[in-house]
Amino acid sequence: GSLVVNYPFDDDEQGIAIYSKSPDDAVFQQLALSYSKENTKMYQGSPCKDMYPTEYFPHGITNGAQWYNVPGGMQDWNYLHTNCFEVTIELGCVKYPKADELPKYWEQNRRSLLQFVKQV
């Protein structure tokens, strides 16, 4: 896991980790930023220093392919084949948080979710 909003494209023609700009790149960045700006730790860009000390996401967002290449991912497929604008929101460095930590996750993401919904 991580703490970041990832947006299309998730792969590129070369199959390497490189920025892969979609035709709606500016819209995807706006959507991603609308979420990350309301989550202080996410927006700072280095959420998982203990696990991934060199990982940095400017303003808490990343182009999927620039982070790591995922050929055939659902996010890209939905965008290309159904015109669905989809982002992937990674909510934490730990993939399976303990149940008693869930209220903390809610508080960290409540404002982000509301801001994201307002983008409609």
PDB file of N, CA and C in Angstrom:
ATOM      1  N   GLY A   1       0.809  -1.195   0.000  1.00  0.00           N
ATOM      2  CA  GLY A   1       0.000   0.000   0.000  1.00  0.00           C
ATOM      3  C   GLY A   1       0.848   1.252   0.000  1.00  0.00           C
ATOM      4  N   SER A   2       0.172   2.356  -0.209  1.00  0.00           N
ATOM      5  CA  SER A   2       0.788   3.662  -0.141  1.00  0.00           C
ATOM      6  C   SER A   2      -0.303   4.669   0.178  1.00  0.00           C
ATOM      7  N   LEU A   3       0.023   5.916   0.118  1.00  0.00           N
ATOM      8  CA  LEU A   3      -0.946   6.972   0.383  1.00  0.00           C
ATOM      9  C   LEU A   3      -0.818   7.967  -0.760  1.00  0.00           C
ATOM     10  N   VAL A   4      -1.617   7.742  -1.809  1.00  0.00           N
ATOM     11  CA  VAL A   4      -1.473   8.503  -3.048  1.00  0.00           C
ATOM     12  C   VAL A   4      -2.726   8.315  -3.900  1.00  0.00           C
ATOM     13  N   VAL A   5      -2.977   9.275  -4.794  1.00  0.00           N
ATOM     14  CA  VAL A   5      -4.024   9.113  -5.804  1.00  0.00           C
ATOM     15  C   VAL A   5      -3.314   8.915  -7.142  1.00  0.00           C
ATOM     16  N   ASN A   6      -3.608   7.808  -7.771  1.00  0.00           N
ATOM     17  CA  ASN A   6      -2.980   7.392  -9.024  1.00  0.00           C
ATOM     18  C   ASN A   6      -3.997   7.580 -10.147  1.00  0.00           C
ATOM     19  N   TYR A   7      -3.567   8.146 -11.264  1.00  0.00           N
ATOM     20  CA  TYR A   7      -4.481   8.409 -12.381  1.00  0.00           C
ATOM     21  C   TYR A   7      -3.896   7.879 -13.692  1.00  0.00           C
ATOM     22  N   PRO A   8      -4.741   7.661 -14.714  1.00  0.00           N
ATOM     23  CA  PRO A   8      -4.287   7.110 -16.007  1.00  0.00           C
ATOM     24  C   PRO A   8      -3.287   8.013 -16.725  1.00  0.00           C
ATOM     25  N   PHE A   9      -2.549   7.354 -17.526  1.00  0.00           N
ATOM     26  CA  PHE A   9      -2.513   5.958 -17.897  1.00  0.00           C
ATOM     27  C   PHE A   9      -1.609   5.177 -16.946  1.00  0.00           C
ATOM     28  N   ASP A  10      -1.925   3.878 -16.793  1.00  0.00           N
ATOM     29  CA  ASP A  10      -1.127   3.007 -15.935  1.00  0.00           C
ATOM     30  C   ASP A  10      -0.044   2.258 -16.690  1.00  0.00           C
ATOM     31  N   ASP A  11      -0.071   2.340 -17.999  1.00  0.00           N
ATOM     32  CA  ASP A  11       1.005   1.726 -18.771  1.00  0.00           C
ATOM     33  C   ASP A  11       1.311   2.591 -19.986  1.00  0.00           C
ATOM     34  N   ASP A  12       2.355   2.217 -20.683  1.00  0.00           N
ATOM     35  CA  ASP A  12       2.731   2.930 -21.895  1.00  0.00           C
ATOM     36  C   ASP A  12       3.217   1.927 -22.933  1.00  0.00           C
ATOM     37  N   GLU A  13       3.424   2.383 -24.146  1.00  0.00           N
ATOM     38  CA  GLU A  13       3.800   1.492 -25.243  1.00  0.00           C
ATOM     39  C   GLU A  13       5.133   0.794 -25.008  1.00  0.00           C
ATOM     40  N   GLN A  14       6.023   1.421 -24.267  1.00  0.00           N
ATOM     41  CA  GLN A  14       7.352   0.845 -24.034  1.00  0.00           C
ATOM     42  C   GLN A  14       7.381  -0.140 -22.865  1.00  0.00           C
ATOM     43  N   GLY A  15       6.346  -0.134 -22.040  1.00  0.00           N
ATOM     44  CA  GLY A  15       6.297  -1.044 -20.898  1.00  0.00           C
ATOM     45  C   GLY A  15       7.271  -0.699 -19.789  1.00  0.00           C
ATOM     46  N   ILE A  16       7.619   0.587 -19.676  1.00  0.00           N
ATOM     47  CA  ILE A  16       8.536   1.004 -18.619  1.00  0.00           C
ATOM     48  C   ILE A  16       7.859   2.051 -17.737  1.00  0.00           C
ATOM     49  N   ALA A  17       8.455   2.329 -16.606  1.00  0.00           N
ATOM     50  CA  ALA A  17       7.904   3.325 -15.685  1.00  0.00           C
ATOM     51  C   ALA A  17       8.255   4.720 -16.204  1.00  0.00           C
ATOM     52  N   ILE A  18       7.326   5.313 -16.938  1.00  0.00           N
ATOM     53  CA  ILE A  18       7.508   6.633 -17.519  1.00  0.00           C
ATOM     54  C   ILE A  18       6.145   7.316 -17.573  1.00  0.00           C
ATOM     55  N   TYR A  19       6.110   8.642 -17.479  1.00  0.00           N
ATOM     56  CA  TYR A  19       4.841   9.359 -17.511  1.00  0.00           C
ATOM     57  C   TYR A  19       4.102   9.028 -18.794  1.00  0.00           C
ATOM     58  N   SER A  20       2.869   8.587 -18.659  1.00  0.00           N
ATOM     59  CA  SER A  20       2.044   8.200 -19.801  1.00  0.00           C
ATOM     60  C   SER A  20       0.780   9.052 -19.782  1.00  0.00           C
ATOM     61  N   LYS A  21       0.835  10.143 -20.503  1.00  0.00           N
ATOM     62  CA  LYS A  21      -0.216  11.163 -20.483  1.00  0.00           C
ATOM     63  C   LYS A  21      -1.449  10.722 -21.279  1.00  0.00           C
ATOM     64  N   SER A  22      -2.610  10.822 -20.652  1.00  0.00           N
ATOM     65  CA  SER A  22      -3.865  10.550 -21.346  1.00  0.00           C
ATOM     66  C   SER A  22      -4.355  11.847 -21.990  1.00  0.00           C
ATOM     67  N   PRO A  23      -5.294  11.752 -22.928  1.00  0.00           N
ATOM     68  CA  PRO A  23      -5.850  12.973 -23.520  1.00  0.00           C
ATOM     69  C   PRO A  23      -6.518  13.895 -22.495  1.00  0.00           C
ATOM     70  N   ASP A  24      -6.966  13.338 -21.374  1.00  0.00           N
ATOM     71  CA  ASP A  24      -7.632  14.112 -20.324  1.00  0.00           C
ATOM     72  C   ASP A  24      -6.746  14.267 -19.098  1.00  0.00           C
ATOM     73  N   ASP A  25      -5.458  14.348 -19.303  1.00  0.00           N
ATOM     74  CA  ASP A  25      -4.494  14.399 -18.208  1.00  0.00           C
ATOM     75  C   ASP A  25      -4.790  15.523 -17.217  1.00  0.00           C
ATOM     76  N   ALA A  26      -5.128  16.702 -17.712  1.00  0.00           N
ATOM     77  CA  ALA A  26      -5.396  17.841 -16.811  1.00  0.00           C
ATOM     78  C   ALA A  26      -6.612  17.576 -15.928  1.00  0.00           C
ATOM     79  N   VAL A  27      -7.618  16.934 -16.474  1.00  0.00           N
ATOM     80  CA  VAL A  27      -8.816  16.607 -15.688  1.00  0.00           C
ATOM     81  C   VAL A  27      -8.467  15.578 -14.619  1.00  0.00           C
ATOM     82  N   PHE A  28      -7.709  14.566 -15.006  1.00  0.00           N
ATOM     83  CA  PHE A  28      -7.305  13.552 -14.031  1.00  0.00           C
ATOM     84  C   PHE A  28      -6.465  14.161 -12.906  1.00  0.00           C
ATOM     85  N   GLN A  29      -5.570  15.078 -13.238  1.00  0.00           N
ATOM     86  CA  GLN A  29      -4.777  15.735 -12.204  1.00  0.00           C
ATOM     87  C   GLN A  29      -5.673  16.553 -11.272  1.00  0.00           C
ATOM     88  N   GLN A  30      -6.658  17.231 -11.831  1.00  0.00           N
ATOM     89  CA  GLN A  30      -7.592  18.014 -11.009  1.00  0.00           C
ATOM     90  C   GLN A  30      -8.355  17.102 -10.050  1.00  0.00           C
ATOM     91  N   LEU A  31      -8.850  15.978 -10.550  1.00  0.00           N
ATOM     92  CA  LEU A  31      -9.577  15.033  -9.703  1.00  0.00           C
ATOM     93  C   LEU A  31      -8.679  14.499  -8.587  1.00  0.00           C
ATOM     94  N   ALA A  32      -7.464  14.108  -8.955  1.00  0.00           N
ATOM     95  CA  ALA A  32      -6.536  13.560  -7.975  1.00  0.00           C
ATOM     96  C   ALA A  32      -6.187  14.602  -6.910  1.00  0.00           C
ATOM     97  N   LEU A  33      -5.915  15.819  -7.340  1.00  0.00           N
ATOM     98  CA  LEU A  33      -5.571  16.887  -6.383  1.00  0.00           C
ATOM     99  C   LEU A  33      -6.737  17.254  -5.485  1.00  0.00           C
ATOM    100  N   SER A  34      -7.956  17.180  -6.017  1.00  0.00           N
ATOM    101  CA  SER A  34      -9.119  17.500  -5.183  1.00  0.00           C
ATOM    102  C   SER A  34      -9.172  16.571  -3.975  1.00  0.00           C
ATOM    103  N   TYR A  35      -8.738  15.346  -4.153  1.00  0.00           N
ATOM    104  CA  TYR A  35      -8.709  14.387  -3.051  1.00  0.00           C
ATOM    105  C   TYR A  35      -7.499  14.622  -2.150  1.00  0.00           C
ATOM    106  N   SER A  36      -6.319  14.679  -2.746  1.00  0.00           N
ATOM    107  CA  SER A  36      -5.093  14.714  -1.944  1.00  0.00           C
ATOM    108  C   SER A  36      -4.932  15.990  -1.122  1.00  0.00           C
ATOM    109  N   LYS A  37      -5.434  17.116  -1.618  1.00  0.00           N
ATOM    110  CA  LYS A  37      -5.275  18.379  -0.888  1.00  0.00           C
ATOM    111  C   LYS A  37      -5.943  18.358   0.476  1.00  0.00           C
ATOM    112  N   GLU A  38      -6.959  17.534   0.643  1.00  0.00           N
ATOM    113  CA  GLU A  38      -7.687  17.462   1.911  1.00  0.00           C
ATOM    114  C   GLU A  38      -7.114  16.423   2.874  1.00  0.00           C
ATOM    115  N   ASN A  39      -6.085  15.711   2.442  1.00  0.00           N
ATOM    116  CA  ASN A  39      -5.436  14.710   3.291  1.00  0.00           C
ATOM    117  C   ASN A  39      -3.986  15.166   3.474  1.00  0.00           C
ATOM    118  N   THR A  40      -3.700  15.795   4.587  1.00  0.00           N
ATOM    119  CA  THR A  40      -2.409  16.433   4.817  1.00  0.00           C
ATOM    120  C   THR A  40      -1.231  15.494   4.590  1.00  0.00           C
ATOM    121  N   LYS A  41      -1.287  14.321   5.159  1.00  0.00           N
ATOM    122  CA  LYS A  41      -0.173  13.374   5.023  1.00  0.00           C
ATOM    123  C   LYS A  41       0.008  12.952   3.565  1.00  0.00           C
ATOM    124  N   MET A  42      -1.090  12.730   2.863  1.00  0.00           N
ATOM    125  CA  MET A  42      -1.018  12.360   1.451  1.00  0.00           C
ATOM    126  C   MET A  42      -0.403  13.495   0.635  1.00  0.00           C
ATOM    127  N   TYR A  43      -0.880  14.705   0.850  1.00  0.00           N
ATOM    128  CA  TYR A  43      -0.457  15.869   0.071  1.00  0.00           C
ATOM    129  C   TYR A  43       1.033  16.166   0.241  1.00  0.00           C
ATOM    130  N   GLN A  44       1.587  15.833   1.379  1.00  0.00           N
ATOM    131  CA  GLN A  44       3.016  16.075   1.629  1.00  0.00           C
ATOM    132  C   GLN A  44       3.911  15.215   0.736  1.00  0.00           C
ATOM    133  N   GLY A  45       3.393  14.090   0.258  1.00  0.00           N
ATOM    134  CA  GLY A  45       4.078  13.325  -0.778  1.00  0.00           C
ATOM    135  C   GLY A  45       5.036  12.230  -0.381  1.00  0.00           C
ATOM    136  N   SER A  46       5.368  12.095   0.893  1.00  0.00           N
ATOM    137  CA  SER A  46       6.278  11.033   1.340  1.00  0.00           C
ATOM    138  C   SER A  46       5.646  10.263   2.494  1.00  0.00           C
ATOM    139  N   PRO A  47       4.559   9.573   2.231  1.00  0.00           N
ATOM    140  CA  PRO A  47       3.779   8.985   3.320  1.00  0.00           C
ATOM    141  C   PRO A  47       4.351   7.731   3.960  1.00  0.00           C
ATOM    142  N   CYS A  48       5.151   6.970   3.244  1.00  0.00           N
ATOM    143  CA  CYS A  48       5.602   5.664   3.745  1.00  0.00           C
ATOM    144  C   CYS A  48       7.119   5.626   3.870  1.00  0.00           C
ATOM    145  N   LYS A  49       7.685   6.608   4.534  1.00  0.00           N
ATOM    146  CA  LYS A  49       9.151   6.745   4.629  1.00  0.00           C
ATOM    147  C   LYS A  49       9.823   5.512   5.215  1.00  0.00           C
ATOM    148  N   ASP A  50       9.183   4.879   6.199  1.00  0.00           N
ATOM    149  CA  ASP A  50       9.790   3.699   6.821  1.00  0.00           C
ATOM    150  C   ASP A  50       9.854   2.517   5.858  1.00  0.00           C
ATOM    151  N   MET A  51       8.840   2.377   5.020  1.00  0.00           N
ATOM    152  CA  MET A  51       8.765   1.240   4.097  1.00  0.00           C
ATOM    153  C   MET A  51       9.440   1.545   2.754  1.00  0.00           C
ATOM    154  N   TYR A  52       9.226   2.761   2.250  1.00  0.00           N
ATOM    155  CA  TYR A  52       9.742   3.156   0.939  1.00  0.00           C
ATOM    156  C   TYR A  52      10.421   4.519   1.066  1.00  0.00           C
ATOM    157  N   PRO A  53      11.640   4.564   1.562  1.00  0.00           N
ATOM    158  CA  PRO A  53      12.285   5.844   1.872  1.00  0.00           C
ATOM    159  C   PRO A  53      12.510   6.761   0.662  1.00  0.00           C
ATOM    160  N   THR A  54      12.594   6.216  -0.534  1.00  0.00           N
ATOM    161  CA  THR A  54      12.849   7.057  -1.710  1.00  0.00           C
ATOM    162  C   THR A  54      11.574   7.418  -2.476  1.00  0.00           C
ATOM    163  N   GLU A  55      10.438   6.875  -2.055  1.00  0.00           N
ATOM    164  CA  GLU A  55       9.184   7.141  -2.765  1.00  0.00           C
ATOM    165  C   GLU A  55       8.679   8.549  -2.449  1.00  0.00           C
ATOM    166  N   TYR A  56       8.399   9.305  -3.505  1.00  0.00           N
ATOM    167  CA  TYR A  56       7.891  10.664  -3.340  1.00  0.00           C
ATOM    168  C   TYR A  56       6.855  10.950  -4.416  1.00  0.00           C
ATOM    169  N   PHE A  57       5.697  11.451  -4.000  1.00  0.00           N
ATOM    170  CA  PHE A  57       4.611  11.811  -4.905  1.00  0.00           C
ATOM    171  C   PHE A  57       4.313  13.291  -4.732  1.00  0.00           C
ATOM    172  N   PRO A  58       4.746  14.145  -5.662  1.00  0.00           N
ATOM    173  CA  PRO A  58       4.457  15.580  -5.531  1.00  0.00           C
ATOM    174  C   PRO A  58       2.966  15.838  -5.336  1.00  0.00           C
ATOM    175  N   HIS A  59       2.627  16.493  -4.263  1.00  0.00           N
ATOM    176  CA  HIS A  59       1.243  16.827  -3.900  1.00  0.00           C
ATOM    177  C   HIS A  59       0.351  15.595  -3.727  1.00  0.00           C
ATOM    178  N   GLY A  60       0.955  14.444  -3.490  1.00  0.00           N
ATOM    179  CA  GLY A  60       0.185  13.242  -3.180  1.00  0.00           C
ATOM    180  C   GLY A  60      -0.501  12.589  -4.356  1.00  0.00           C
ATOM    181  N   ILE A  61      -0.065  12.903  -5.579  1.00  0.00           N
ATOM    182  CA  ILE A  61      -0.671  12.284  -6.762  1.00  0.00           C
ATOM    183  C   ILE A  61       0.432  11.732  -7.670  1.00  0.00           C
ATOM    184  N   THR A  62       0.054  10.789  -8.533  1.00  0.00           N
ATOM    185  CA  THR A  62       1.016  10.256  -9.495  1.00  0.00           C
ATOM    186  C   THR A  62       0.305   9.708 -10.716  1.00  0.00           C
ATOM    187  N   ASN A  63       0.951   9.851 -11.835  1.00  0.00           N
ATOM    188  CA  ASN A  63       0.534   9.153 -13.040  1.00  0.00           C
ATOM    189  C   ASN A  63       0.894   7.687 -12.819  1.00  0.00           C
ATOM    190  N   GLY A  64      -0.051   6.793 -13.068  1.00  0.00           N
ATOM    191  CA  GLY A  64       0.164   5.384 -12.771  1.00  0.00           C
ATOM    192  C   GLY A  64       1.410   4.797 -13.397  1.00  0.00           C
ATOM    193  N   ALA A  65       1.607   5.029 -14.694  1.00  0.00           N
ATOM    194  CA  ALA A  65       2.759   4.447 -15.380  1.00  0.00           C
ATOM    195  C   ALA A  65       4.075   5.028 -14.886  1.00  0.00           C
ATOM    196  N   GLN A  66       4.058   6.260 -14.420  1.00  0.00           N
ATOM    197  CA  GLN A  66       5.291   6.848 -13.897  1.00  0.00           C
ATOM    198  C   GLN A  66       5.689   6.179 -12.580  1.00  0.00           C
ATOM    199  N   TRP A  67       4.680   5.755 -11.813  1.00  0.00           N
ATOM    200  CA  TRP A  67       4.951   5.079 -10.548  1.00  0.00           C
ATOM    201  C   TRP A  67       5.456   3.665 -10.828  1.00  0.00           C
ATOM    202  N   TYR A  68       4.641   2.860 -11.489  1.00  0.00           N
ATOM    203  CA  TYR A  68       5.047   1.541 -11.987  1.00  0.00           C
ATOM    204  C   TYR A  68       4.053   1.118 -13.058  1.00  0.00           C
ATOM    205  N   ASN A  69       4.532   0.385 -14.031  1.00  0.00           N
ATOM    206  CA  ASN A  69       3.763   0.026 -15.212  1.00  0.00           C
ATOM    207  C   ASN A  69       2.802  -1.128 -14.920  1.00  0.00           C
ATOM    208  N   VAL A  70       1.522  -0.938 -15.267  1.00  0.00           N
ATOM    209  CA  VAL A  70       0.504  -1.974 -15.090  1.00  0.00           C
ATOM    210  C   VAL A  70      -0.236  -2.157 -16.423  1.00  0.00           C
ATOM    211  N   PRO A  71       0.218  -3.058 -17.268  1.00  0.00           N
ATOM    212  CA  PRO A  71      -0.484  -3.266 -18.534  1.00  0.00           C
ATOM    213  C   PRO A  71      -1.830  -3.942 -18.323  1.00  0.00           C
ATOM    214  N   GLY A  72      -2.840  -3.460 -19.034  1.00  0.00           N
ATOM    215  CA  GLY A  72      -4.161  -4.082 -18.994  1.00  0.00           C
ATOM    216  C   GLY A  72      -4.955  -3.820 -17.733  1.00  0.00           C
ATOM    217  N   GLY A  73      -4.639  -2.760 -17.007  1.00  0.00           N
ATOM    218  CA  GLY A  73      -5.351  -2.460 -15.769  1.00  0.00           C
ATOM    219  C   GLY A  73      -6.768  -1.968 -16.023  1.00  0.00           C
ATOM    220  N   MET A  74      -7.629  -2.179 -15.041  1.00  0.00           N
ATOM    221  CA  MET A  74      -9.032  -1.806 -15.156  1.00  0.00           C
ATOM    222  C   MET A  74      -9.227  -0.293 -15.280  1.00  0.00           C
ATOM    223  N   GLN A  75      -8.411   0.488 -14.578  1.00  0.00           N
ATOM    224  CA  GLN A  75      -8.514   1.943 -14.626  1.00  0.00           C
ATOM    225  C   GLN A  75      -8.372   2.441 -16.071  1.00  0.00           C
ATOM    226  N   ASP A  76      -7.380   1.953 -16.788  1.00  0.00           N
ATOM    227  CA  ASP A  76      -7.179   2.347 -18.185  1.00  0.00           C
ATOM    228  C   ASP A  76      -8.259   1.760 -19.082  1.00  0.00           C
ATOM    229  N   TRP A  77      -8.620   0.516 -18.852  1.00  0.00           N
ATOM    230  CA  TRP A  77      -9.625  -0.122 -19.694  1.00  0.00           C
ATOM    231  C   TRP A  77     -10.943   0.640 -19.601  1.00  0.00           C
ATOM    232  N   ASN A  78     -11.368   0.970 -18.396  1.00  0.00           N
ATOM    233  CA  ASN A  78     -12.627   1.710 -18.223  1.00  0.00           C
ATOM    234  C   ASN A  78     -12.571   3.063 -18.913  1.00  0.00           C
ATOM    235  N   TYR A  79     -11.446   3.733 -18.829  1.00  0.00           N
ATOM    236  CA  TYR A  79     -11.290   5.041 -19.475  1.00  0.00           C
ATOM    237  C   TYR A  79     -11.370   4.898 -21.001  1.00  0.00           C
ATOM    238  N   LEU A  80     -10.656   3.949 -21.546  1.00  0.00           N
ATOM    239  CA  LEU A  80     -10.587   3.797 -23.004  1.00  0.00           C
ATOM    240  C   LEU A  80     -11.851   3.209 -23.624  1.00  0.00           C
ATOM    241  N   HIS A  81     -12.505   2.302 -22.921  1.00  0.00           N
ATOM    242  CA  HIS A  81     -13.623   1.572 -23.512  1.00  0.00           C
ATOM    243  C   HIS A  81     -15.008   2.009 -23.044  1.00  0.00           C
ATOM    244  N   THR A  82     -15.084   2.738 -21.937  1.00  0.00           N
ATOM    245  CA  THR A  82     -16.407   3.157 -21.452  1.00  0.00           C
ATOM    246  C   THR A  82     -16.476   4.643 -21.152  1.00  0.00           C
ATOM    247  N   ASN A  83     -15.367   5.355 -21.344  1.00  0.00           N
ATOM    248  CA  ASN A  83     -15.286   6.790 -21.061  1.00  0.00           C
ATOM    249  C   ASN A  83     -15.509   7.093 -19.578  1.00  0.00           C
ATOM    250  N   CYS A  84     -15.174   6.145 -18.727  1.00  0.00           N
ATOM    251  CA  CYS A  84     -15.284   6.309 -17.281  1.00  0.00           C
ATOM    252  C   CYS A  84     -13.957   6.867 -16.759  1.00  0.00           C
ATOM    253  N   PHE A  85     -14.019   8.003 -16.098  1.00  0.00           N
ATOM    254  CA  PHE A  85     -12.824   8.613 -15.524  1.00  0.00           C
ATOM    255  C   PHE A  85     -12.613   8.021 -14.137  1.00  0.00           C
ATOM    256  N   GLU A  86     -11.608   7.188 -14.022  1.00  0.00           N
ATOM    257  CA  GLU A  86     -11.374   6.442 -12.794  1.00  0.00           C
ATOM    258  C   GLU A  86      -9.976   6.725 -12.270  1.00  0.00           C
ATOM    259  N   VAL A  87      -9.862   6.895 -10.970  1.00  0.00           N
ATOM    260  CA  VAL A  87      -8.571   7.017 -10.309  1.00  0.00           C
ATOM    261  C   VAL A  87      -8.483   5.917  -9.258  1.00  0.00           C
ATOM    262  N   THR A  88      -7.271   5.626  -8.840  1.00  0.00           N
ATOM    263  CA  THR A  88      -7.058   4.656  -7.771  1.00  0.00           C
ATOM    264  C   THR A  88      -6.553   5.417  -6.557  1.00  0.00           C
ATOM    265  N   ILE A  89      -7.247   5.274  -5.458  1.00  0.00           N
ATOM    266  CA  ILE A  89      -6.872   5.974  -4.231  1.00  0.00           C
ATOM    267  C   ILE A  89      -6.301   4.962  -3.253  1.00  0.00           C
ATOM    268  N   GLU A  90      -5.004   5.081  -3.003  1.00  0.00           N
ATOM    269  CA  GLU A  90      -4.320   4.235  -2.031  1.00  0.00           C
ATOM    270  C   GLU A  90      -4.453   4.936  -0.677  1.00  0.00           C
ATOM    271  N   LEU A  91      -5.032   4.266   0.304  1.00  0.00           N
ATOM    272  CA  LEU A  91      -5.373   4.908   1.571  1.00  0.00           C
ATOM    273  C   LEU A  91      -4.365   4.751   2.692  1.00  0.00           C
ATOM    274  N   GLY A  92      -3.328   3.965   2.497  1.00  0.00           N
ATOM    275  CA  GLY A  92      -2.363   3.834   3.574  1.00  0.00           C
ATOM    276  C   GLY A  92      -1.219   2.908   3.239  1.00  0.00           C
ATOM    277  N   CYS A  93      -0.178   3.021   4.027  1.00  0.00           N
ATOM    278  CA  CYS A  93       1.026   2.236   3.815  1.00  0.00           C
ATOM    279  C   CYS A  93       0.823   0.763   4.181  1.00  0.00           C
ATOM    280  N   VAL A  94      -0.138   0.498   5.028  1.00  0.00           N
ATOM    281  CA  VAL A  94      -0.454  -0.866   5.454  1.00  0.00           C
ATOM    282  C   VAL A  94      -1.705  -1.321   4.701  1.00  0.00           C
ATOM    283  N   LYS A  95      -1.583  -2.409   3.969  1.00  0.00           N
ATOM    284  CA  LYS A  95      -2.714  -2.882   3.156  1.00  0.00           C
ATOM    285  C   LYS A  95      -3.896  -3.359   3.993  1.00  0.00           C
ATOM    286  N   TYR A  96      -3.632  -3.937   5.132  1.00  0.00           N
ATOM    287  CA  TYR A  96      -4.697  -4.491   5.961  1.00  0.00           C
ATOM    288  C   TYR A  96      -4.624  -3.904   7.370  1.00  0.00           C
ATOM    289  N   PRO A  97      -5.154  -2.698   7.555  1.00  0.00           N
ATOM    290  CA  PRO A  97      -5.103  -2.093   8.890  1.00  0.00           C
ATOM    291  C   PRO A  97      -6.002  -2.841   9.872  1.00  0.00           C
ATOM    292  N   LYS A  98      -5.688  -2.708  11.132  1.00  0.00           N
ATOM    293  CA  LYS A  98      -6.495  -3.330  12.178  1.00  0.00           C
ATOM    294  C   LYS A  98      -7.830  -2.595  12.275  1.00  0.00           C
ATOM    295  N   ALA A  99      -8.850  -3.306  12.685  1.00  0.00           N
ATOM    296  CA  ALA A  99     -10.200  -2.752  12.761  1.00  0.00           C
ATOM    297  C   ALA A  99     -10.266  -1.511  13.651  1.00  0.00           C
ATOM    298  N   ASP A 100      -9.526  -1.514  14.741  1.00  0.00           N
ATOM    299  CA  ASP A 100      -9.596  -0.361  15.643  1.00  0.00           C
ATOM    300  C   ASP A 100      -8.921   0.891  15.060  1.00  0.00           C
ATOM    301  N   GLU A 101      -8.207   0.747  13.945  1.00  0.00           N
ATOM    302  CA  GLU A 101      -7.585   1.888  13.276  1.00  0.00           C
ATOM    303  C   GLU A 101      -8.497   2.514  12.220  1.00  0.00           C
ATOM    304  N   LEU A 102      -9.596   1.864  11.881  1.00  0.00           N
ATOM    305  CA  LEU A 102     -10.474   2.354  10.815  1.00  0.00           C
ATOM    306  C   LEU A 102     -11.071   3.740  11.091  1.00  0.00           C
ATOM    307  N   PRO A 103     -11.450   4.071  12.322  1.00  0.00           N
ATOM    308  CA  PRO A 103     -11.939   5.433  12.565  1.00  0.00           C
ATOM    309  C   PRO A 103     -10.904   6.508  12.207  1.00  0.00           C
ATOM    310  N   LYS A 104      -9.627   6.215  12.441  1.00  0.00           N
ATOM    311  CA  LYS A 104      -8.552   7.148  12.080  1.00  0.00           C
ATOM    312  C   LYS A 104      -8.505   7.333  10.558  1.00  0.00           C
ATOM    313  N   TYR A 105      -8.664   6.249   9.830  1.00  0.00           N
ATOM    314  CA  TYR A 105      -8.673   6.330   8.358  1.00  0.00           C
ATOM    315  C   TYR A 105      -9.861   7.171   7.884  1.00  0.00           C
ATOM    316  N   TRP A 106     -10.994   6.997   8.530  1.00  0.00           N
ATOM    317  CA  TRP A 106     -12.173   7.780   8.177  1.00  0.00           C
ATOM    318  C   TRP A 106     -11.899   9.271   8.370  1.00  0.00           C
ATOM    319  N   GLU A 107     -11.349   9.632   9.521  1.00  0.00           N
ATOM    320  CA  GLU A 107     -11.069  11.040   9.795  1.00  0.00           C
ATOM    321  C   GLU A 107     -10.043  11.617   8.825  1.00  0.00           C
ATOM    322  N   GLN A 108      -9.069  10.831   8.439  1.00  0.00           N
ATOM    323  CA  GLN A 108      -8.044  11.306   7.505  1.00  0.00           C
ATOM    324  C   GLN A 108      -8.598  11.487   6.088  1.00  0.00           C
ATOM    325  N   ASN A 109      -9.683  10.805   5.759  1.00  0.00           N
ATOM    326  CA  ASN A 109     -10.178  10.797   4.382  1.00  0.00           C
ATOM    327  C   ASN A 109     -11.576  11.381   4.189  1.00  0.00           C
ATOM    328  N   ARG A 110     -12.261  11.702   5.266  1.00  0.00           N
ATOM    329  CA  ARG A 110     -13.637  12.207   5.166  1.00  0.00           C
ATOM    330  C   ARG A 110     -13.712  13.455   4.299  1.00  0.00           C
ATOM    331  N   ARG A 111     -12.896  14.454   4.590  1.00  0.00           N
ATOM    332  CA  ARG A 111     -12.924  15.705   3.816  1.00  0.00           C
ATOM    333  C   ARG A 111     -12.495  15.463   2.363  1.00  0.00           C
ATOM    334  N   SER A 112     -11.541  14.575   2.167  1.00  0.00           N
ATOM    335  CA  SER A 112     -11.093  14.234   0.813  1.00  0.00           C
ATOM    336  C   SER A 112     -12.229  13.639  -0.004  1.00  0.00           C
ATOM    337  N   LEU A 113     -12.965  12.725   0.607  1.00  0.00           N
ATOM    338  CA  LEU A 113     -14.085  12.095  -0.098  1.00  0.00           C
ATOM    339  C   LEU A 113     -15.161  13.115  -0.473  1.00  0.00           C
ATOM    340  N   LEU A 114     -15.470  14.004   0.439  1.00  0.00           N
ATOM    341  CA  LEU A 114     -16.472  15.036   0.147  1.00  0.00           C
ATOM    342  C   LEU A 114     -16.003  15.956  -0.978  1.00  0.00           C
ATOM    343  N   GLN A 115     -14.740  16.342  -0.948  1.00  0.00           N
ATOM    344  CA  GLN A 115     -14.188  17.187  -2.001  1.00  0.00           C
ATOM    345  C   GLN A 115     -14.190  16.466  -3.352  1.00  0.00           C
ATOM    346  N   PHE A 116     -13.895  15.193  -3.317  1.00  0.00           N
ATOM    347  CA  PHE A 116     -13.894  14.374  -4.530  1.00  0.00           C
ATOM    348  C   PHE A 116     -15.292  14.290  -5.141  1.00  0.00           C
ATOM    349  N   VAL A 117     -16.292  14.069  -4.302  1.00  0.00           N
ATOM    350  CA  VAL A 117     -17.678  13.980  -4.772  1.00  0.00           C
ATOM    351  C   VAL A 117     -18.112  15.320  -5.380  1.00  0.00           C
ATOM    352  N   LYS A 118     -17.654  16.419  -4.833  1.00  0.00           N
ATOM    353  CA  LYS A 118     -18.012  17.750  -5.366  1.00  0.00           C
ATOM    354  C   LYS A 118     -17.512  17.954  -6.790  1.00  0.00           C
ATOM    355  N   GLN A 119     -16.545  17.189  -7.221  1.00  0.00           N
ATOM    356  CA  GLN A 119     -16.006  17.347  -8.560  1.00  0.00           C
ATOM    357  C   GLN A 119     -16.994  16.955  -9.645  1.00  0.00           C
ATOM    358  N   VAL A 120     -18.013  16.191  -9.292  1.00  0.00           N
ATOM    359  CA  VAL A 120     -19.038  15.787 -10.259  1.00  0.00           C
ATOM    360  C   VAL A 120     -19.723  17.017 -10.800  1.00  0.00           C
TER     361      VAL A 120
END
